[in-house]
Amino acid sequence: SNGGSMQLHLGQSLPVSPFINSTHPPFKTQIMVGGTLM
């Protein structure tokens, strides 16, 4: 917002990809994704 820029690299997911979905609709599976900011 005040100038400058940073690079973002997306990281691994949890559950680790690929995975077998174990929930039946309308229930949902949460997938978390991390990353690294330079």
PDB file of all heavy atoms in Angstrom:
ATOM      1  N   SER A   1       0.823  -1.213   0.000  1.00  0.00           N
ATOM      2  CA  SER A   1       0.000   0.000   0.000  1.00  0.00           C
ATOM      3  C   SER A   1       0.860   1.266   0.000  1.00  0.00           C
ATOM      4  O   SER A   1       0.389   2.337  -0.379  1.00  0.00           O
ATOM      5  CB  SER A   1      -0.935  -0.008   1.211  1.00  0.00           C
ATOM      6  OG  SER A   1      -0.190  -0.115   2.417  1.00  0.00           O
ATOM      7  N   ASN A   2       2.128   1.165   0.402  1.00  0.00           N
ATOM      8  CA  ASN A   2       3.049   2.308   0.414  1.00  0.00           C
ATOM      9  C   ASN A   2       4.230   2.086  -0.535  1.00  0.00           C
ATOM     10  O   ASN A   2       5.304   2.617  -0.329  1.00  0.00           O
ATOM     11  CB  ASN A   2       3.560   2.566   1.836  1.00  0.00           C
ATOM     12  CG  ASN A   2       2.454   3.000   2.759  1.00  0.00           C
ATOM     13  OD1 ASN A   2       1.591   3.788   2.375  1.00  0.00           O
ATOM     14  ND2 ASN A   2       2.451   2.478   3.970  1.00  0.00           N
ATOM     15  N   GLY A   3       4.013   1.250  -1.555  1.00  0.00           N
ATOM     16  CA  GLY A   3       5.095   0.920  -2.483  1.00  0.00           C
ATOM     17  C   GLY A   3       5.745  -0.397  -2.092  1.00  0.00           C
ATOM     18  O   GLY A   3       5.459  -0.981  -1.049  1.00  0.00           O
ATOM     19  N   GLY A   4       6.619  -0.873  -2.947  1.00  0.00           N
ATOM     20  CA  GLY A   4       7.313  -2.130  -2.692  1.00  0.00           C
ATOM     21  C   GLY A   4       6.489  -3.337  -3.122  1.00  0.00           C
ATOM     22  O   GLY A   4       5.289  -3.237  -3.395  1.00  0.00           O
ATOM     23  N   SER A   5       7.166  -4.461  -3.195  1.00  0.00           N
ATOM     24  CA  SER A   5       6.499  -5.711  -3.542  1.00  0.00           C
ATOM     25  C   SER A   5       7.266  -6.877  -2.926  1.00  0.00           C
ATOM     26  O   SER A   5       8.457  -6.772  -2.643  1.00  0.00           O
ATOM     27  CB  SER A   5       6.411  -5.875  -5.064  1.00  0.00           C
ATOM     28  OG  SER A   5       7.695  -5.982  -5.621  1.00  0.00           O
ATOM     29  N   MET A   6       6.543  -7.966  -2.714  1.00  0.00           N
ATOM     30  CA  MET A   6       7.125  -9.187  -2.149  1.00  0.00           C
ATOM     31  C   MET A   6       6.651 -10.373  -2.977  1.00  0.00           C
ATOM     32  O   MET A   6       5.566 -10.346  -3.540  1.00  0.00           O
ATOM     33  CB  MET A   6       6.671  -9.396  -0.698  1.00  0.00           C
ATOM     34  CG  MET A   6       7.097  -8.353   0.264  1.00  0.00           C
ATOM     35  SD  MET A   6       6.532  -8.790   1.930  1.00  0.00           S
ATOM     36  CE  MET A   6       6.589  -7.213   2.714  1.00  0.00           C
ATOM     37  N   GLN A   7       7.469 -11.410  -3.029  1.00  0.00           N
ATOM     38  CA  GLN A   7       7.107 -12.633  -3.741  1.00  0.00           C
ATOM     39  C   GLN A   7       6.490 -13.637  -2.765  1.00  0.00           C
ATOM     40  O   GLN A   7       6.960 -13.796  -1.634  1.00  0.00           O
ATOM     41  CB  GLN A   7       8.329 -13.273  -4.388  1.00  0.00           C
ATOM     42  CG  GLN A   7       8.867 -12.515  -5.589  1.00  0.00           C
ATOM     43  CD  GLN A   7       7.886 -12.499  -6.734  1.00  0.00           C
ATOM     44  OE1 GLN A   7       7.421 -11.436  -7.115  1.00  0.00           O
ATOM     45  NE2 GLN A   7       7.557 -13.645  -7.279  1.00  0.00           N
ATOM     46  N   LEU A   8       5.435 -14.323  -3.234  1.00  0.00           N
ATOM     47  CA  LEU A   8       4.764 -15.362  -2.453  1.00  0.00           C
ATOM     48  C   LEU A   8       4.861 -16.677  -3.209  1.00  0.00           C
ATOM     49  O   LEU A   8       4.506 -16.756  -4.387  1.00  0.00           O
ATOM     50  CB  LEU A   8       3.289 -15.004  -2.232  1.00  0.00           C
ATOM     51  CG  LEU A   8       2.402 -16.121  -1.676  1.00  0.00           C
ATOM     52  CD1 LEU A   8       2.847 -16.533  -0.276  1.00  0.00           C
ATOM     53  CD2 LEU A   8       0.949 -15.687  -1.661  1.00  0.00           C
ATOM     54  N   HIS A   9       5.361 -17.684  -2.521  1.00  0.00           N
ATOM     55  CA  HIS A   9       5.425 -19.047  -3.070  1.00  0.00           C
ATOM     56  C   HIS A   9       4.473 -19.913  -2.259  1.00  0.00           C
ATOM     57  O   HIS A   9       4.603 -20.013  -1.031  1.00  0.00           O
ATOM     58  CB  HIS A   9       6.854 -19.603  -2.975  1.00  0.00           C
ATOM     59  CG  HIS A   9       6.960 -21.030  -3.377  1.00  0.00           C
ATOM     60  ND1 HIS A   9       6.964 -21.439  -4.692  1.00  0.00           N
ATOM     61  CD2 HIS A   9       7.038 -22.161  -2.630  1.00  0.00           C
ATOM     62  CE1 HIS A   9       7.052 -22.754  -4.737  1.00  0.00           C
ATOM     63  NE2 HIS A   9       7.098 -23.212  -3.501  1.00  0.00           N
ATOM     64  N   LEU A  10       3.472 -20.514  -2.933  1.00  0.00           N
ATOM     65  CA  LEU A  10       2.526 -21.384  -2.230  1.00  0.00           C
ATOM     66  C   LEU A  10       3.210 -22.673  -1.810  1.00  0.00           C
ATOM     67  O   LEU A  10       4.058 -23.211  -2.522  1.00  0.00           O
ATOM     68  CB  LEU A  10       1.326 -21.696  -3.121  1.00  0.00           C
ATOM     69  CG  LEU A  10       0.431 -20.509  -3.422  1.00  0.00           C
ATOM     70  CD1 LEU A  10      -0.660 -20.908  -4.409  1.00  0.00           C
ATOM     71  CD2 LEU A  10      -0.182 -19.960  -2.156  1.00  0.00           C
ATOM     72  N   GLY A  11       2.805 -23.183  -0.639  1.00  0.00           N
ATOM     73  CA  GLY A  11       3.433 -24.375  -0.089  1.00  0.00           C
ATOM     74  C   GLY A  11       2.541 -25.601  -0.139  1.00  0.00           C
ATOM     75  O   GLY A  11       1.624 -25.705  -0.951  1.00  0.00           O
ATOM     76  N   GLN A  12       2.803 -26.512   0.766  1.00  0.00           N
ATOM     77  CA  GLN A  12       2.090 -27.780   0.854  1.00  0.00           C
ATOM     78  C   GLN A  12       0.667 -27.579   1.356  1.00  0.00           C
ATOM     79  O   GLN A  12       0.314 -26.532   1.874  1.00  0.00           O
ATOM     80  CB  GLN A  12       2.826 -28.722   1.809  1.00  0.00           C
ATOM     81  CG  GLN A  12       4.170 -29.164   1.313  1.00  0.00           C
ATOM     82  CD  GLN A  12       4.048 -30.128   0.148  1.00  0.00           C
ATOM     83  OE1 GLN A  12       3.148 -30.951   0.092  1.00  0.00           O
ATOM     84  NE2 GLN A  12       4.944 -30.004  -0.804  1.00  0.00           N
ATOM     85  N   SER A  13      -0.110 -28.635   1.214  1.00  0.00           N
ATOM     86  CA  SER A  13      -1.487 -28.621   1.712  1.00  0.00           C
ATOM     87  C   SER A  13      -1.632 -29.659   2.816  1.00  0.00           C
ATOM     88  O   SER A  13      -0.818 -30.556   2.962  1.00  0.00           O
ATOM     89  CB  SER A  13      -2.474 -28.924   0.579  1.00  0.00           C
ATOM     90  OG  SER A  13      -2.295 -30.249   0.118  1.00  0.00           O
ATOM     91  N   LEU A  14      -2.694 -29.516   3.566  1.00  0.00           N
ATOM     92  CA  LEU A  14      -3.054 -30.487   4.593  1.00  0.00           C
ATOM     93  C   LEU A  14      -4.554 -30.713   4.470  1.00  0.00           C
ATOM     94  O   LEU A  14      -5.301 -29.756   4.653  1.00  0.00           O
ATOM     95  CB  LEU A  14      -2.701 -29.948   5.982  1.00  0.00           C
ATOM     96  CG  LEU A  14      -2.823 -30.915   7.151  1.00  0.00           C
ATOM     97  CD1 LEU A  14      -1.867 -32.065   6.983  1.00  0.00           C
ATOM     98  CD2 LEU A  14      -2.541 -30.206   8.453  1.00  0.00           C
ATOM     99  N   PRO A  15      -5.040 -31.865   4.076  1.00  0.00           N
ATOM    100  CA  PRO A  15      -4.295 -33.091   3.834  1.00  0.00           C
ATOM    101  C   PRO A  15      -3.373 -32.959   2.624  1.00  0.00           C
ATOM    102  O   PRO A  15      -3.610 -32.152   1.733  1.00  0.00           O
ATOM    103  CB  PRO A  15      -5.384 -34.136   3.578  1.00  0.00           C
ATOM    104  CG  PRO A  15      -6.600 -33.381   3.223  1.00  0.00           C
ATOM    105  CD  PRO A  15      -6.477 -32.031   3.845  1.00  0.00           C
ATOM    106  N   VAL A  16      -2.336 -33.794   2.629  1.00  0.00           N
ATOM    107  CA  VAL A  16      -1.347 -33.761   1.556  1.00  0.00           C
ATOM    108  C   VAL A  16      -1.985 -34.244   0.261  1.00  0.00           C
ATOM    109  O   VAL A  16      -2.734 -35.218   0.252  1.00  0.00           O
ATOM    110  CB  VAL A  16      -0.129 -34.629   1.939  1.00  0.00           C
ATOM    111  CG1 VAL A  16       0.871 -34.686   0.798  1.00  0.00           C
ATOM    112  CG2 VAL A  16       0.534 -34.092   3.195  1.00  0.00           C
ATOM    113  N   SER A  17      -1.706 -33.544  -0.810  1.00  0.00           N
ATOM    114  CA  SER A  17      -2.261 -33.875  -2.124  1.00  0.00           C
ATOM    115  C   SER A  17      -1.455 -34.990  -2.780  1.00  0.00           C
ATOM    116  O   SER A  17      -0.234 -34.998  -2.660  1.00  0.00           O
ATOM    117  CB  SER A  17      -2.214 -32.641  -3.010  1.00  0.00           C
ATOM    118  OG  SER A  17      -2.641 -32.922  -4.320  1.00  0.00           O
ATOM    119  N   PRO A  18      -2.084 -35.931  -3.456  1.00  0.00           N
ATOM    120  CA  PRO A  18      -3.520 -36.157  -3.586  1.00  0.00           C
ATOM    121  C   PRO A  18      -4.057 -36.915  -2.376  1.00  0.00           C
ATOM    122  O   PRO A  18      -3.307 -37.593  -1.674  1.00  0.00           O
ATOM    123  CB  PRO A  18      -3.627 -37.010  -4.860  1.00  0.00           C
ATOM    124  CG  PRO A  18      -2.362 -37.784  -4.881  1.00  0.00           C
ATOM    125  CD  PRO A  18      -1.317 -36.871  -4.278  1.00  0.00           C
ATOM    126  N   PHE A  19      -5.358 -36.802  -2.137  1.00  0.00           N
ATOM    127  CA  PHE A  19      -5.981 -37.509  -1.026  1.00  0.00           C
ATOM    128  C   PHE A  19      -7.356 -38.000  -1.443  1.00  0.00           C
ATOM    129  O   PHE A  19      -7.926 -37.532  -2.421  1.00  0.00           O
ATOM    130  CB  PHE A  19      -6.074 -36.616   0.229  1.00  0.00           C
ATOM    131  CG  PHE A  19      -6.990 -35.443   0.067  1.00  0.00           C
ATOM    132  CD1 PHE A  19      -8.316 -35.523   0.443  1.00  0.00           C
ATOM    133  CD2 PHE A  19      -6.524 -34.242  -0.450  1.00  0.00           C
ATOM    134  CE1 PHE A  19      -9.176 -34.427   0.291  1.00  0.00           C
ATOM    135  CE2 PHE A  19      -7.362 -33.153  -0.605  1.00  0.00           C
ATOM    136  CZ  PHE A  19      -8.693 -33.244  -0.236  1.00  0.00           C
ATOM    137  N   ILE A  20      -7.874 -38.959  -0.690  1.00  0.00           N
ATOM    138  CA  ILE A  20      -9.201 -39.510  -0.955  1.00  0.00           C
ATOM    139  C   ILE A  20     -10.187 -38.803  -0.046  1.00  0.00           C
ATOM    140  O   ILE A  20     -10.022 -38.808   1.176  1.00  0.00           O
ATOM    141  CB  ILE A  20      -9.232 -41.028  -0.723  1.00  0.00           C
ATOM    142  CG1 ILE A  20      -8.266 -41.718  -1.685  1.00  0.00           C
ATOM    143  CG2 ILE A  20     -10.647 -41.575  -0.899  1.00  0.00           C
ATOM    144  CD1 ILE A  20      -8.076 -43.192  -1.427  1.00  0.00           C
ATOM    145  N   ASN A  21     -11.201 -38.181  -0.635  1.00  0.00           N
ATOM    146  CA  ASN A  21     -12.211 -37.478   0.146  1.00  0.00           C
ATOM    147  C   ASN A  21     -13.022 -38.493   0.955  1.00  0.00           C
ATOM    148  O   ASN A  21     -13.423 -39.532   0.436  1.00  0.00           O
ATOM    149  CB  ASN A  21     -13.138 -36.675  -0.775  1.00  0.00           C
ATOM    150  CG  ASN A  21     -14.061 -35.782   0.005  1.00  0.00           C
ATOM    151  OD1 ASN A  21     -13.643 -35.095   0.926  1.00  0.00           O
ATOM    152  ND2 ASN A  21     -15.332 -35.791  -0.344  1.00  0.00           N
ATOM    153  N   SER A  22     -13.258 -38.192   2.219  1.00  0.00           N
ATOM    154  CA  SER A  22     -13.968 -39.142   3.083  1.00  0.00           C
ATOM    155  C   SER A  22     -15.320 -38.626   3.568  1.00  0.00           C
ATOM    156  O   SER A  22     -15.993 -39.313   4.319  1.00  0.00           O
ATOM    157  CB  SER A  22     -13.091 -39.492   4.290  1.00  0.00           C
ATOM    158  OG  SER A  22     -12.811 -38.329   5.037  1.00  0.00           O
ATOM    159  N   THR A  23     -15.716 -37.428   3.153  1.00  0.00           N
ATOM    160  CA  THR A  23     -16.996 -36.896   3.611  1.00  0.00           C
ATOM    161  C   THR A  23     -18.055 -37.000   2.517  1.00  0.00           C
ATOM    162  O   THR A  23     -17.741 -36.958   1.330  1.00  0.00           O
ATOM    163  CB  THR A  23     -16.860 -35.420   4.032  1.00  0.00           C
ATOM    164  OG1 THR A  23     -16.411 -34.662   2.919  1.00  0.00           O
ATOM    165  CG2 THR A  23     -15.907 -35.259   5.194  1.00  0.00           C
ATOM    166  N   HIS A  24     -19.293 -37.115   2.934  1.00  0.00           N
ATOM    167  CA  HIS A  24     -20.427 -37.151   2.011  1.00  0.00           C
ATOM    168  C   HIS A  24     -21.105 -35.785   2.014  1.00  0.00           C
ATOM    169  O   HIS A  24     -21.282 -35.183   3.063  1.00  0.00           O
ATOM    170  CB  HIS A  24     -21.447 -38.206   2.464  1.00  0.00           C
ATOM    171  CG  HIS A  24     -20.952 -39.607   2.378  1.00  0.00           C
ATOM    172  ND1 HIS A  24     -21.000 -40.340   1.226  1.00  0.00           N
ATOM    173  CD2 HIS A  24     -20.384 -40.419   3.307  1.00  0.00           C
ATOM    174  CE1 HIS A  24     -20.498 -41.539   1.444  1.00  0.00           C
ATOM    175  NE2 HIS A  24     -20.101 -41.601   2.690  1.00  0.00           N
ATOM    176  N   PRO A  25     -21.500 -35.278   0.816  1.00  0.00           N
ATOM    177  CA  PRO A  25     -22.233 -34.011   0.786  1.00  0.00           C
ATOM    178  C   PRO A  25     -23.494 -34.110   1.640  1.00  0.00           C
ATOM    179  O   PRO A  25     -24.073 -35.183   1.719  1.00  0.00           O
ATOM    180  CB  PRO A  25     -22.585 -33.838  -0.692  1.00  0.00           C
ATOM    181  CG  PRO A  25     -21.564 -34.656  -1.416  1.00  0.00           C
ATOM    182  CD  PRO A  25     -21.264 -35.810  -0.509  1.00  0.00           C
ATOM    183  N   PRO A  26     -23.879 -33.092   2.341  1.00  0.00           N
ATOM    184  CA  PRO A  26     -23.432 -31.705   2.232  1.00  0.00           C
ATOM    185  C   PRO A  26     -22.247 -31.368   3.132  1.00  0.00           C
ATOM    186  O   PRO A  26     -21.909 -30.197   3.272  1.00  0.00           O
ATOM    187  CB  PRO A  26     -24.675 -30.923   2.661  1.00  0.00           C
ATOM    188  CG  PRO A  26     -25.291 -31.785   3.709  1.00  0.00           C
ATOM    189  CD  PRO A  26     -25.053 -33.209   3.227  1.00  0.00           C
ATOM    190  N   PHE A  27     -21.618 -32.365   3.758  1.00  0.00           N
ATOM    191  CA  PHE A  27     -20.467 -32.081   4.617  1.00  0.00           C
ATOM    192  C   PHE A  27     -19.263 -31.722   3.757  1.00  0.00           C
ATOM    193  O   PHE A  27     -19.141 -32.150   2.621  1.00  0.00           O
ATOM    194  CB  PHE A  27     -20.176 -33.266   5.530  1.00  0.00           C
ATOM    195  CG  PHE A  27     -21.309 -33.563   6.458  1.00  0.00           C
ATOM    196  CD1 PHE A  27     -22.141 -34.649   6.224  1.00  0.00           C
ATOM    197  CD2 PHE A  27     -21.578 -32.745   7.535  1.00  0.00           C
ATOM    198  CE1 PHE A  27     -23.207 -34.913   7.067  1.00  0.00           C
ATOM    199  CE2 PHE A  27     -22.635 -32.991   8.384  1.00  0.00           C
ATOM    200  CZ  PHE A  27     -23.452 -34.084   8.140  1.00  0.00           C
ATOM    201  N   LYS A  28     -18.341 -30.916   4.328  1.00  0.00           N
ATOM    202  CA  LYS A  28     -17.213 -30.391   3.571  1.00  0.00           C
ATOM    203  C   LYS A  28     -15.893 -30.812   4.203  1.00  0.00           C
ATOM    204  O   LYS A  28     -15.809 -30.993   5.412  1.00  0.00           O
ATOM    205  CB  LYS A  28     -17.297 -28.862   3.514  1.00  0.00           C
ATOM    206  CG  LYS A  28     -18.548 -28.383   2.826  1.00  0.00           C
ATOM    207  CD  LYS A  28     -18.707 -26.886   2.912  1.00  0.00           C
ATOM    208  CE  LYS A  28     -20.023 -26.496   2.244  1.00  0.00           C
ATOM    209  NZ  LYS A  28     -20.342 -25.113   2.452  1.00  0.00           N
ATOM    210  N   THR A  29     -14.884 -30.929   3.373  1.00  0.00           N
ATOM    211  CA  THR A  29     -13.524 -31.226   3.813  1.00  0.00           C
ATOM    212  C   THR A  29     -12.733 -29.930   3.798  1.00  0.00           C
ATOM    213  O   THR A  29     -12.741 -29.211   2.801  1.00  0.00           O
ATOM    214  CB  THR A  29     -12.859 -32.245   2.862  1.00  0.00           C
ATOM    215  OG1 THR A  29     -13.624 -33.449   2.864  1.00  0.00           O
ATOM    216  CG2 THR A  29     -11.433 -32.539   3.295  1.00  0.00           C
ATOM    217  N   GLN A  30     -12.053 -29.616   4.900  1.00  0.00           N
ATOM    218  CA  GLN A  30     -11.221 -28.418   4.941  1.00  0.00           C
ATOM    219  C   GLN A  30      -9.811 -28.763   4.472  1.00  0.00           C
ATOM    220  O   GLN A  30      -9.228 -29.752   4.909  1.00  0.00           O
ATOM    221  CB  GLN A  30     -11.171 -27.822   6.341  1.00  0.00           C
ATOM    222  CG  GLN A  30     -12.444 -27.114   6.716  1.00  0.00           C
ATOM    223  CD  GLN A  30     -12.283 -26.205   7.926  1.00  0.00           C
ATOM    224  OE1 GLN A  30     -11.405 -26.395   8.751  1.00  0.00           O
ATOM    225  NE2 GLN A  30     -13.132 -25.207   8.011  1.00  0.00           N
ATOM    226  N   ILE A  31      -9.296 -27.913   3.587  1.00  0.00           N
ATOM    227  CA  ILE A  31      -7.944 -28.074   3.064  1.00  0.00           C
ATOM    228  C   ILE A  31      -7.164 -26.817   3.407  1.00  0.00           C
ATOM    229  O   ILE A  31      -7.556 -25.714   3.042  1.00  0.00           O
ATOM    230  CB  ILE A  31      -7.965 -28.283   1.539  1.00  0.00           C
ATOM    231  CG1 ILE A  31      -8.765 -29.549   1.216  1.00  0.00           C
ATOM    232  CG2 ILE A  31      -6.554 -28.362   0.981  1.00  0.00           C
ATOM    233  CD1 ILE A  31      -9.041 -29.745  -0.244  1.00  0.00           C
ATOM    234  N   MET A  32      -6.066 -26.986   4.145  1.00  0.00           N
ATOM    235  CA  MET A  32      -5.224 -25.865   4.538  1.00  0.00           C
ATOM    236  C   MET A  32      -4.013 -25.786   3.607  1.00  0.00           C
ATOM    237  O   MET A  32      -3.412 -26.813   3.291  1.00  0.00           O
ATOM    238  CB  MET A  32      -4.735 -26.021   5.985  1.00  0.00           C
ATOM    239  CG  MET A  32      -5.787 -25.737   7.045  1.00  0.00           C
ATOM    240  SD  MET A  32      -7.007 -27.008   7.287  1.00  0.00           S
ATOM    241  CE  MET A  32      -6.134 -28.278   8.106  1.00  0.00           C
ATOM    242  N   VAL A  33      -3.667 -24.568   3.197  1.00  0.00           N
ATOM    243  CA  VAL A  33      -2.535 -24.342   2.300  1.00  0.00           C
ATOM    244  C   VAL A  33      -1.660 -23.260   2.908  1.00  0.00           C
ATOM    245  O   VAL A  33      -2.141 -22.185   3.266  1.00  0.00           O
ATOM    246  CB  VAL A  33      -3.005 -23.922   0.892  1.00  0.00           C
ATOM    247  CG1 VAL A  33      -1.808 -23.627  -0.007  1.00  0.00           C
ATOM    248  CG2 VAL A  33      -3.890 -24.996   0.274  1.00  0.00           C
ATOM    249  N   GLY A  34      -0.376 -23.550   3.013  1.00  0.00           N
ATOM    250  CA  GLY A  34       0.582 -22.584   3.530  1.00  0.00           C
ATOM    251  C   GLY A  34       1.354 -21.918   2.406  1.00  0.00           C
ATOM    252  O   GLY A  34       1.048 -22.106   1.222  1.00  0.00           O
ATOM    253  N   GLY A  35       2.366 -21.146   2.776  1.00  0.00           N
ATOM    254  CA  GLY A  35       3.179 -20.474   1.771  1.00  0.00           C
ATOM    255  C   GLY A  35       4.391 -19.811   2.394  1.00  0.00           C
ATOM    256  O   GLY A  35       4.528 -19.744   3.621  1.00  0.00           O
ATOM    257  N   THR A  36       5.286 -19.335   1.528  1.00  0.00           N
ATOM    258  CA  THR A  36       6.493 -18.640   1.968  1.00  0.00           C
ATOM    259  C   THR A  36       6.535 -17.264   1.318  1.00  0.00           C
ATOM    260  O   THR A  36       6.362 -17.131   0.098  1.00  0.00           O
ATOM    261  CB  THR A  36       7.762 -19.429   1.584  1.00  0.00           C
ATOM    262  OG1 THR A  36       7.712 -20.708   2.225  1.00  0.00           O
ATOM    263  CG2 THR A  36       9.027 -18.704   2.015  1.00  0.00           C
ATOM    264  N   LEU A  37       6.753 -16.260   2.141  1.00  0.00           N
ATOM    265  CA  LEU A  37       6.840 -14.873   1.702  1.00  0.00           C
ATOM    266  C   LEU A  37       8.304 -14.457   1.718  1.00  0.00           C
ATOM    267  O   LEU A  37       8.981 -14.602   2.740  1.00  0.00           O
ATOM    268  CB  LEU A  37       6.017 -13.993   2.649  1.00  0.00           C
ATOM    269  CG  LEU A  37       5.854 -12.531   2.305  1.00  0.00           C
ATOM    270  CD1 LEU A  37       5.084 -12.383   0.993  1.00  0.00           C
ATOM    271  CD2 LEU A  37       5.121 -11.809   3.431  1.00  0.00           C
ATOM    272  N   MET A  38       8.807 -13.966   0.566  1.00  0.00           N
ATOM    273  CA  MET A  38      10.176 -13.481   0.482  1.00  0.00           C
ATOM    274  C   MET A  38      10.158 -11.973   0.739  1.00  0.00           C
ATOM    275  O   MET A  38       9.594 -11.209  -0.050  1.00  0.00           O
ATOM    276  CB  MET A  38      10.780 -13.763  -0.897  1.00  0.00           C
ATOM    277  CG  MET A  38      11.280 -15.206  -1.077  1.00  0.00           C
ATOM    278  SD  MET A  38      10.029 -16.472  -1.019  1.00  0.00           S
ATOM    279  CE  MET A  38       9.461 -16.534  -2.678  1.00  0.00           C
TER     280      MET A  38
END
